[in-house]
Amino acid sequence: MHPAIRERRQGLEALRARSVIATVELYEMIGRPAPAPGPLYKAVTKGNAWHIIEIATGKTKGFCFSHKAAMVFVDAMEAGAATKRGVLQ
């Protein structure tokens, strides 16, 4: 990997870690529990298909032709995201 890209990634990782620490400190200061993170994906019907959409970006990540299959797909995507974040549910 190019050194400039590596430095940028390390800087972004440090900023992300600091933002998590600052959020925890903020909720400790006001004496309230931190809010639980919301869902990352949602299923939306479009025509005869259910599109699985990433909420943060609005991009379609996949589609299914039944509601049940779409819900299984959403659950799988959420579980995959949780393992990447290190949060197993």
PDB file of N, CA and C in Angstrom:
ATOM      1  N   MET A   1       0.844  -1.172   0.000  1.00  0.00           N
ATOM      2  CA  MET A   1       0.000   0.000   0.000  1.00  0.00           C
ATOM      3  C   MET A   1       0.895   1.243   0.000  1.00  0.00           C
ATOM      4  N   HIS A   2       0.465   2.239  -0.711  1.00  0.00           N
ATOM      5  CA  HIS A   2       1.230   3.480  -0.806  1.00  0.00           C
ATOM      6  C   HIS A   2       1.321   4.141   0.574  1.00  0.00           C
ATOM      7  N   PRO A   3       2.486   4.684   0.944  1.00  0.00           N
ATOM      8  CA  PRO A   3       2.652   5.284   2.265  1.00  0.00           C
ATOM      9  C   PRO A   3       1.654   6.403   2.566  1.00  0.00           C
ATOM     10  N   ALA A   4       1.309   7.211   1.575  1.00  0.00           N
ATOM     11  CA  ALA A   4       0.358   8.300   1.815  1.00  0.00           C
ATOM     12  C   ALA A   4      -1.024   7.757   2.149  1.00  0.00           C
ATOM     13  N   ILE A   5      -1.412   6.679   1.483  1.00  0.00           N
ATOM     14  CA  ILE A   5      -2.708   6.070   1.778  1.00  0.00           C
ATOM     15  C   ILE A   5      -2.696   5.450   3.166  1.00  0.00           C
ATOM     16  N   ARG A   6      -1.595   4.781   3.514  1.00  0.00           N
ATOM     17  CA  ARG A   6      -1.476   4.167   4.832  1.00  0.00           C
ATOM     18  C   ARG A   6      -1.564   5.231   5.925  1.00  0.00           C
ATOM     19  N   GLU A   7      -0.882   6.356   5.740  1.00  0.00           N
ATOM     20  CA  GLU A   7      -0.917   7.445   6.724  1.00  0.00           C
ATOM     21  C   GLU A   7      -2.332   8.010   6.865  1.00  0.00           C
ATOM     22  N   ARG A   8      -3.011   8.170   5.735  1.00  0.00           N
ATOM     23  CA  ARG A   8      -4.379   8.699   5.774  1.00  0.00           C
ATOM     24  C   ARG A   8      -5.306   7.740   6.518  1.00  0.00           C
ATOM     25  N   ARG A   9      -5.182   6.438   6.243  1.00  0.00           N
ATOM     26  CA  ARG A   9      -6.017   5.454   6.940  1.00  0.00           C
ATOM     27  C   ARG A   9      -5.744   5.461   8.436  1.00  0.00           C
ATOM     28  N   GLN A  10      -4.472   5.544   8.819  1.00  0.00           N
ATOM     29  CA  GLN A  10      -4.134   5.573  10.239  1.00  0.00           C
ATOM     30  C   GLN A  10      -4.702   6.818  10.901  1.00  0.00           C
ATOM     31  N   GLY A  11      -4.638   7.949  10.207  1.00  0.00           N
ATOM     32  CA  GLY A  11      -5.200   9.179  10.741  1.00  0.00           C
ATOM     33  C   GLY A  11      -6.707   9.093  10.911  1.00  0.00           C
ATOM     34  N   LEU A  12      -7.391   8.520   9.924  1.00  0.00           N
ATOM     35  CA  LEU A  12      -8.844   8.370  10.015  1.00  0.00           C
ATOM     36  C   LEU A  12      -9.241   7.396  11.115  1.00  0.00           C
ATOM     37  N   GLU A  13      -8.477   6.313  11.273  1.00  0.00           N
ATOM     38  CA  GLU A  13      -8.755   5.365  12.348  1.00  0.00           C
ATOM     39  C   GLU A  13      -8.591   6.027  13.712  1.00  0.00           C
ATOM     40  N   ALA A  14      -7.568   6.871  13.853  1.00  0.00           N
ATOM     41  CA  ALA A  14      -7.358   7.584  15.115  1.00  0.00           C
ATOM     42  C   ALA A  14      -8.507   8.556  15.392  1.00  0.00           C
ATOM     43  N   LEU A  15      -8.960   9.269  14.358  1.00  0.00           N
ATOM     44  CA  LEU A  15     -10.093  10.186  14.534  1.00  0.00           C
ATOM     45  C   LEU A  15     -11.370   9.437  14.893  1.00  0.00           C
ATOM     46  N   ARG A  16     -11.587   8.294  14.256  1.00  0.00           N
ATOM     47  CA  ARG A  16     -12.779   7.493  14.544  1.00  0.00           C
ATOM     48  C   ARG A  16     -12.744   6.990  15.984  1.00  0.00           C
ATOM     49  N   ALA A  17     -11.584   6.519  16.430  1.00  0.00           N
ATOM     50  CA  ALA A  17     -11.453   6.045  17.810  1.00  0.00           C
ATOM     51  C   ALA A  17     -11.671   7.193  18.791  1.00  0.00           C
ATOM     52  N   ARG A  18     -11.153   8.358  18.492  1.00  0.00           N
ATOM     53  CA  ARG A  18     -11.320   9.512  19.380  1.00  0.00           C
ATOM     54  C   ARG A  18     -12.790   9.944  19.447  1.00  0.00           C
ATOM     55  N   SER A  19     -13.506   9.844  18.324  1.00  0.00           N
ATOM     56  CA  SER A  19     -14.913  10.229  18.346  1.00  0.00           C
ATOM     57  C   SER A  19     -15.730   9.266  19.207  1.00  0.00           C
ATOM     58  N   VAL A  20     -15.377   7.991  19.192  1.00  0.00           N
ATOM     59  CA  VAL A  20     -16.069   7.016  20.042  1.00  0.00           C
ATOM     60  C   VAL A  20     -15.785   7.324  21.509  1.00  0.00           C
ATOM     61  N   ILE A  21     -14.530   7.616  21.830  1.00  0.00           N
ATOM     62  CA  ILE A  21     -14.160   7.944  23.208  1.00  0.00           C
ATOM     63  C   ILE A  21     -14.880   9.207  23.666  1.00  0.00           C
ATOM     64  N   ALA A  22     -14.935  10.223  22.804  1.00  0.00           N
ATOM     65  CA  ALA A  22     -15.600  11.476  23.165  1.00  0.00           C
ATOM     66  C   ALA A  22     -17.088  11.266  23.389  1.00  0.00           C
ATOM     67  N   THR A  23     -17.710  10.413  22.602  1.00  0.00           N
ATOM     68  CA  THR A  23     -19.134  10.144  22.780  1.00  0.00           C
ATOM     69  C   THR A  23     -19.384   9.452  24.110  1.00  0.00           C
ATOM     70  N   VAL A  24     -18.563   8.480  24.446  1.00  0.00           N
ATOM     71  CA  VAL A  24     -18.704   7.786  25.731  1.00  0.00           C
ATOM     72  C   VAL A  24     -18.517   8.773  26.881  1.00  0.00           C
ATOM     73  N   GLU A  25     -17.499   9.637  26.783  1.00  0.00           N
ATOM     74  CA  GLU A  25     -17.254  10.628  27.837  1.00  0.00           C
ATOM     75  C   GLU A  25     -18.424  11.585  27.980  1.00  0.00           C
ATOM     76  N   LEU A  26     -19.018  11.998  26.871  1.00  0.00           N
ATOM     77  CA  LEU A  26     -20.153  12.912  26.919  1.00  0.00           C
ATOM     78  C   LEU A  26     -21.319  12.285  27.679  1.00  0.00           C
ATOM     79  N   TYR A  27     -21.666  11.054  27.346  1.00  0.00           N
ATOM     80  CA  TYR A  27     -22.782  10.412  28.031  1.00  0.00           C
ATOM     81  C   TYR A  27     -22.469  10.131  29.491  1.00  0.00           C
ATOM     82  N   GLU A  28     -21.209   9.881  29.833  1.00  0.00           N
ATOM     83  CA  GLU A  28     -20.833   9.717  31.237  1.00  0.00           C
ATOM     84  C   GLU A  28     -21.000  11.034  31.994  1.00  0.00           C
ATOM     85  N   MET A  29     -20.663  12.161  31.340  1.00  0.00           N
ATOM     86  CA  MET A  29     -20.775  13.467  31.992  1.00  0.00           C
ATOM     87  C   MET A  29     -22.226  13.814  32.312  1.00  0.00           C
ATOM     88  N   ILE A  30     -23.148  13.477  31.430  1.00  0.00           N
ATOM     89  CA  ILE A  30     -24.546  13.824  31.683  1.00  0.00           C
ATOM     90  C   ILE A  30     -25.285  12.713  32.417  1.00  0.00           C
ATOM     91  N   GLY A  31     -24.615  11.604  32.673  1.00  0.00           N
ATOM     92  CA  GLY A  31     -25.206  10.543  33.480  1.00  0.00           C
ATOM     93  C   GLY A  31     -26.291   9.750  32.779  1.00  0.00           C
ATOM     94  N   ARG A  32     -26.213   9.638  31.479  1.00  0.00           N
ATOM     95  CA  ARG A  32     -27.205   8.875  30.727  1.00  0.00           C
ATOM     96  C   ARG A  32     -26.508   7.776  29.940  1.00  0.00           C
ATOM     97  N   PRO A  33     -27.225   6.683  29.673  1.00  0.00           N
ATOM     98  CA  PRO A  33     -26.625   5.622  28.849  1.00  0.00           C
ATOM     99  C   PRO A  33     -26.545   6.058  27.387  1.00  0.00           C
ATOM    100  N   ALA A  34     -25.537   5.599  26.716  1.00  0.00           N
ATOM    101  CA  ALA A  34     -25.368   5.920  25.293  1.00  0.00           C
ATOM    102  C   ALA A  34     -26.477   5.239  24.495  1.00  0.00           C
ATOM    103  N   PRO A  35     -26.989   5.890  23.460  1.00  0.00           N
ATOM    104  CA  PRO A  35     -28.048   5.270  22.660  1.00  0.00           C
ATOM    105  C   PRO A  35     -27.525   4.078  21.871  1.00  0.00           C
ATOM    106  N   ALA A  36     -28.392   3.108  21.667  1.00  0.00           N
ATOM    107  CA  ALA A  36     -28.015   1.934  20.878  1.00  0.00           C
ATOM    108  C   ALA A  36     -27.964   2.335  19.405  1.00  0.00           C
ATOM    109  N   PRO A  37     -27.018   1.791  18.670  1.00  0.00           N
ATOM    110  CA  PRO A  37     -26.955   2.129  17.243  1.00  0.00           C
ATOM    111  C   PRO A  37     -28.176   1.593  16.510  1.00  0.00           C
ATOM    112  N   GLY A  38     -28.625   2.337  15.521  1.00  0.00           N
ATOM    113  CA  GLY A  38     -29.792   1.942  14.747  1.00  0.00           C
ATOM    114  C   GLY A  38     -29.434   0.940  13.660  1.00  0.00           C
ATOM    115  N   PRO A  39     -30.421   0.523  12.886  1.00  0.00           N
ATOM    116  CA  PRO A  39     -30.139  -0.431  11.812  1.00  0.00           C
ATOM    117  C   PRO A  39     -29.321   0.213  10.703  1.00  0.00           C
ATOM    118  N   LEU A  40     -28.545  -0.599  10.015  1.00  0.00           N
ATOM    119  CA  LEU A  40     -27.709  -0.116   8.918  1.00  0.00           C
ATOM    120  C   LEU A  40     -28.362  -0.329   7.557  1.00  0.00           C
ATOM    121  N   TYR A  41     -29.284  -1.288   7.485  1.00  0.00           N
ATOM    122  CA  TYR A  41     -29.911  -1.641   6.217  1.00  0.00           C
ATOM    123  C   TYR A  41     -31.421  -1.683   6.380  1.00  0.00           C
ATOM    124  N   LYS A  42     -32.135  -1.446   5.273  1.00  0.00           N
ATOM    125  CA  LYS A  42     -33.587  -1.565   5.279  1.00  0.00           C
ATOM    126  C   LYS A  42     -34.033  -2.182   3.962  1.00  0.00           C
ATOM    127  N   ALA A  43     -35.203  -2.816   4.003  1.00  0.00           N
ATOM    128  CA  ALA A  43     -35.786  -3.411   2.807  1.00  0.00           C
ATOM    129  C   ALA A  43     -36.914  -2.511   2.330  1.00  0.00           C
ATOM    130  N   VAL A  44     -36.883  -2.161   1.045  1.00  0.00           N
ATOM    131  CA  VAL A  44     -37.880  -1.279   0.446  1.00  0.00           C
ATOM    132  C   VAL A  44     -38.438  -1.972  -0.785  1.00  0.00           C
ATOM    133  N   THR A  45     -39.754  -1.963  -0.913  1.00  0.00           N
ATOM    134  CA  THR A  45     -40.354  -2.588  -2.091  1.00  0.00           C
ATOM    135  C   THR A  45     -40.323  -1.626  -3.270  1.00  0.00           C
ATOM    136  N   LYS A  46     -39.888  -2.143  -4.402  1.00  0.00           N
ATOM    137  CA  LYS A  46     -39.840  -1.377  -5.651  1.00  0.00           C
ATOM    138  C   LYS A  46     -40.324  -2.305  -6.754  1.00  0.00           C
ATOM    139  N   GLY A  47     -41.550  -2.078  -7.200  1.00  0.00           N
ATOM    140  CA  GLY A  47     -42.125  -2.973  -8.203  1.00  0.00           C
ATOM    141  C   GLY A  47     -42.384  -4.330  -7.589  1.00  0.00           C
ATOM    142  N   ASN A  48     -41.882  -5.382  -8.224  1.00  0.00           N
ATOM    143  CA  ASN A  48     -42.078  -6.744  -7.725  1.00  0.00           C
ATOM    144  C   ASN A  48     -40.923  -7.229  -6.862  1.00  0.00           C
ATOM    145  N   ALA A  49     -39.946  -6.377  -6.610  1.00  0.00           N
ATOM    146  CA  ALA A  49     -38.754  -6.792  -5.865  1.00  0.00           C
ATOM    147  C   ALA A  49     -38.609  -5.970  -4.587  1.00  0.00           C
ATOM    148  N   TRP A  50     -37.896  -6.555  -3.645  1.00  0.00           N
ATOM    149  CA  TRP A  50     -37.531  -5.872  -2.413  1.00  0.00           C
ATOM    150  C   TRP A  50     -36.061  -5.494  -2.535  1.00  0.00           C
ATOM    151  N   HIS A  51     -35.759  -4.204  -2.473  1.00  0.00           N
ATOM    152  CA  HIS A  51     -34.381  -3.737  -2.554  1.00  0.00           C
ATOM    153  C   HIS A  51     -33.843  -3.581  -1.140  1.00  0.00           C
ATOM    154  N   ILE A  52     -32.629  -4.072  -0.909  1.00  0.00           N
ATOM    155  CA  ILE A  52     -31.956  -3.925   0.372  1.00  0.00           C
ATOM    156  C   ILE A  52     -31.066  -2.704   0.237  1.00  0.00           C
ATOM    157  N   ILE A  53     -31.358  -1.674   1.049  1.00  0.00           N
ATOM    158  CA  ILE A  53     -30.683  -0.385   0.910  1.00  0.00           C
ATOM    159  C   ILE A  53     -29.874  -0.084   2.167  1.00  0.00           C
ATOM    160  N   GLU A  54     -28.643   0.362   1.957  1.00  0.00           N
ATOM    161  CA  GLU A  54     -27.806   0.817   3.061  1.00  0.00           C
ATOM    162  C   GLU A  54     -28.296   2.212   3.456  1.00  0.00           C
ATOM    163  N   ILE A  55     -28.700   2.385   4.688  1.00  0.00           N
ATOM    164  CA  ILE A  55     -29.322   3.630   5.125  1.00  0.00           C
ATOM    165  C   ILE A  55     -28.363   4.811   5.033  1.00  0.00           C
ATOM    166  N   ALA A  56     -27.109   4.617   5.393  1.00  0.00           N
ATOM    167  CA  ALA A  56     -26.143   5.716   5.420  1.00  0.00           C
ATOM    168  C   ALA A  56     -25.879   6.305   4.042  1.00  0.00           C
ATOM    169  N   THR A  57     -25.821   5.445   3.024  1.00  0.00           N
ATOM    170  CA  THR A  57     -25.463   5.920   1.691  1.00  0.00           C
ATOM    171  C   THR A  57     -26.631   5.971   0.729  1.00  0.00           C
ATOM    172  N   GLY A  58     -27.692   5.223   1.009  1.00  0.00           N
ATOM    173  CA  GLY A  58     -28.835   5.162   0.104  1.00  0.00           C
ATOM    174  C   GLY A  58     -28.607   4.237  -1.079  1.00  0.00           C
ATOM    175  N   LYS A  59     -27.512   3.493  -1.070  1.00  0.00           N
ATOM    176  CA  LYS A  59     -27.194   2.598  -2.183  1.00  0.00           C
ATOM    177  C   LYS A  59     -27.873   1.240  -2.000  1.00  0.00           C
ATOM    178  N   THR A  60     -28.324   0.670  -3.103  1.00  0.00           N
ATOM    179  CA  THR A  60     -28.921  -0.659  -3.080  1.00  0.00           C
ATOM    180  C   THR A  60     -27.809  -1.694  -3.008  1.00  0.00           C
ATOM    181  N   LYS A  61     -27.886  -2.571  -2.021  1.00  0.00           N
ATOM    182  CA  LYS A  61     -26.867  -3.602  -1.828  1.00  0.00           C
ATOM    183  C   LYS A  61     -27.305  -4.958  -2.369  1.00  0.00           C
ATOM    184  N   GLY A  62     -28.586  -5.115  -2.657  1.00  0.00           N
ATOM    185  CA  GLY A  62     -29.083  -6.369  -3.205  1.00  0.00           C
ATOM    186  C   GLY A  62     -30.589  -6.289  -3.331  1.00  0.00           C
ATOM    187  N   PHE A  63     -31.182  -7.349  -3.849  1.00  0.00           N
ATOM    188  CA  PHE A  63     -32.631  -7.384  -3.952  1.00  0.00           C
ATOM    189  C   PHE A  63     -33.126  -8.813  -3.888  1.00  0.00           C
ATOM    190  N   CYS A  64     -34.382  -8.962  -3.475  1.00  0.00           N
ATOM    191  CA  CYS A  64     -35.034 -10.260  -3.353  1.00  0.00           C
ATOM    192  C   CYS A  64     -36.446 -10.131  -3.902  1.00  0.00           C
ATOM    193  N   PHE A  65     -37.084 -11.276  -4.149  1.00  0.00           N
ATOM    194  CA  PHE A  65     -38.422 -11.248  -4.709  1.00  0.00           C
ATOM    195  C   PHE A  65     -39.490 -11.684  -3.722  1.00  0.00           C
ATOM    196  N   SER A  66     -39.128 -11.846  -2.448  1.00  0.00           N
ATOM    197  CA  SER A  66     -40.131 -12.100  -1.411  1.00  0.00           C
ATOM    198  C   SER A  66     -39.715 -11.348  -0.154  1.00  0.00           C
ATOM    199  N   HIS A  67     -40.709 -11.012   0.648  1.00  0.00           N
ATOM    200  CA  HIS A  67     -40.438 -10.261   1.879  1.00  0.00           C
ATOM    201  C   HIS A  67     -39.588 -11.083   2.834  1.00  0.00           C
ATOM    202  N   LYS A  68     -39.912 -12.360   2.953  1.00  0.00           N
ATOM    203  CA  LYS A  68     -39.170 -13.230   3.869  1.00  0.00           C
ATOM    204  C   LYS A  68     -37.689 -13.302   3.477  1.00  0.00           C
ATOM    205  N   ALA A  69     -37.418 -13.465   2.193  1.00  0.00           N
ATOM    206  CA  ALA A  69     -36.028 -13.525   1.724  1.00  0.00           C
ATOM    207  C   ALA A  69     -35.324 -12.190   1.958  1.00  0.00           C
ATOM    208  N   ALA A  70     -36.054 -11.097   1.782  1.00  0.00           N
ATOM    209  CA  ALA A  70     -35.465  -9.777   2.010  1.00  0.00           C
ATOM    210  C   ALA A  70     -35.087  -9.595   3.471  1.00  0.00           C
ATOM    211  N   MET A  71     -35.929 -10.059   4.387  1.00  0.00           N
ATOM    212  CA  MET A  71     -35.630  -9.935   5.817  1.00  0.00           C
ATOM    213  C   MET A  71     -34.429 -10.797   6.203  1.00  0.00           C
ATOM    214  N   VAL A  72     -34.314 -11.974   5.606  1.00  0.00           N
ATOM    215  CA  VAL A  72     -33.142 -12.832   5.852  1.00  0.00           C
ATOM    216  C   VAL A  72     -31.888 -12.127   5.340  1.00  0.00           C
ATOM    217  N   PHE A  73     -31.994 -11.506   4.172  1.00  0.00           N
ATOM    218  CA  PHE A  73     -30.861 -10.777   3.579  1.00  0.00           C
ATOM    219  C   PHE A  73     -30.453  -9.623   4.485  1.00  0.00           C
ATOM    220  N   VAL A  74     -31.427  -8.838   4.976  1.00  0.00           N
ATOM    221  CA  VAL A  74     -31.126  -7.714   5.871  1.00  0.00           C
ATOM    222  C   VAL A  74     -30.450  -8.209   7.137  1.00  0.00           C
ATOM    223  N   ASP A  75     -30.976  -9.295   7.721  1.00  0.00           N
ATOM    224  CA  ASP A  75     -30.364  -9.847   8.936  1.00  0.00           C
ATOM    225  C   ASP A  75     -28.932 -10.294   8.687  1.00  0.00           C
ATOM    226  N   ALA A  76     -28.676 -10.893   7.529  1.00  0.00           N
ATOM    227  CA  ALA A  76     -27.321 -11.335   7.197  1.00  0.00           C
ATOM    228  C   ALA A  76     -26.387 -10.144   7.026  1.00  0.00           C
ATOM    229  N   MET A  77     -26.864  -9.098   6.376  1.00  0.00           N
ATOM    230  CA  MET A  77     -26.037  -7.897   6.185  1.00  0.00           C
ATOM    231  C   MET A  77     -25.732  -7.230   7.533  1.00  0.00           C
ATOM    232  N   GLU A  78     -26.730  -7.153   8.417  1.00  0.00           N
ATOM    233  CA  GLU A  78     -26.521  -6.574   9.747  1.00  0.00           C
ATOM    234  C   GLU A  78     -25.518  -7.409  10.543  1.00  0.00           C
ATOM    235  N   ALA A  79     -25.641  -8.729  10.467  1.00  0.00           N
ATOM    236  CA  ALA A  79     -24.716  -9.596  11.198  1.00  0.00           C
ATOM    237  C   ALA A  79     -23.297  -9.442  10.658  1.00  0.00           C
ATOM    238  N   GLY A  80     -23.158  -9.347   9.344  1.00  0.00           N
ATOM    239  CA  GLY A  80     -21.836  -9.137   8.748  1.00  0.00           C
ATOM    240  C   GLY A  80     -21.215  -7.824   9.167  1.00  0.00           C
ATOM    241  N   ALA A  81     -22.033  -6.776   9.211  1.00  0.00           N
ATOM    242  CA  ALA A  81     -21.540  -5.474   9.640  1.00  0.00           C
ATOM    243  C   ALA A  81     -21.137  -5.504  11.112  1.00  0.00           C
ATOM    244  N   ALA A  82     -21.907  -6.230  11.933  1.00  0.00           N
ATOM    245  CA  ALA A  82     -21.595  -6.317  13.353  1.00  0.00           C
ATOM    246  C   ALA A  82     -20.266  -7.023  13.594  1.00  0.00           C
ATOM    247  N   THR A  83     -19.972  -8.068  12.822  1.00  0.00           N
ATOM    248  CA  THR A  83     -18.700  -8.773  13.012  1.00  0.00           C
ATOM    249  C   THR A  83     -17.534  -7.908  12.551  1.00  0.00           C
ATOM    250  N   LYS A  84     -17.747  -7.084  11.531  1.00  0.00           N
ATOM    251  CA  LYS A  84     -16.677  -6.186  11.088  1.00  0.00           C
ATOM    252  C   LYS A  84     -16.409  -5.099  12.117  1.00  0.00           C
ATOM    253  N   ARG A  85     -17.456  -4.660  12.831  1.00  0.00           N
ATOM    254  CA  ARG A  85     -17.287  -3.643  13.872  1.00  0.00           C
ATOM    255  C   ARG A  85     -16.797  -4.270  15.167  1.00  0.00           C
ATOM    256  N   GLY A  86     -16.862  -5.609  15.273  1.00  0.00           N
ATOM    257  CA  GLY A  86     -16.441  -6.278  16.484  1.00  0.00           C
ATOM    258  C   GLY A  86     -17.549  -6.366  17.510  1.00  0.00           C
ATOM    259  N   VAL A  87     -18.795  -6.246  17.059  1.00  0.00           N
ATOM    260  CA  VAL A  87     -19.936  -6.301  17.956  1.00  0.00           C
ATOM    261  C   VAL A  87     -20.813  -7.469  17.534  1.00  0.00           C
ATOM    262  N   LEU A  88     -20.713  -8.564  18.238  1.00  0.00           N
ATOM    263  CA  LEU A  88     -21.529  -9.720  17.900  1.00  0.00           C
ATOM    264  C   LEU A  88     -22.861  -9.613  18.627  1.00  0.00           C
ATOM    265  N   GLN A  89     -23.932  -9.927  17.918  1.00  0.00           N
ATOM    266  CA  GLN A  89     -25.260  -9.850  18.527  1.00  0.00           C
ATOM    267  C   GLN A  89     -25.818 -11.225  18.722  1.00  0.00           C
TER     268      GLN A  89
END
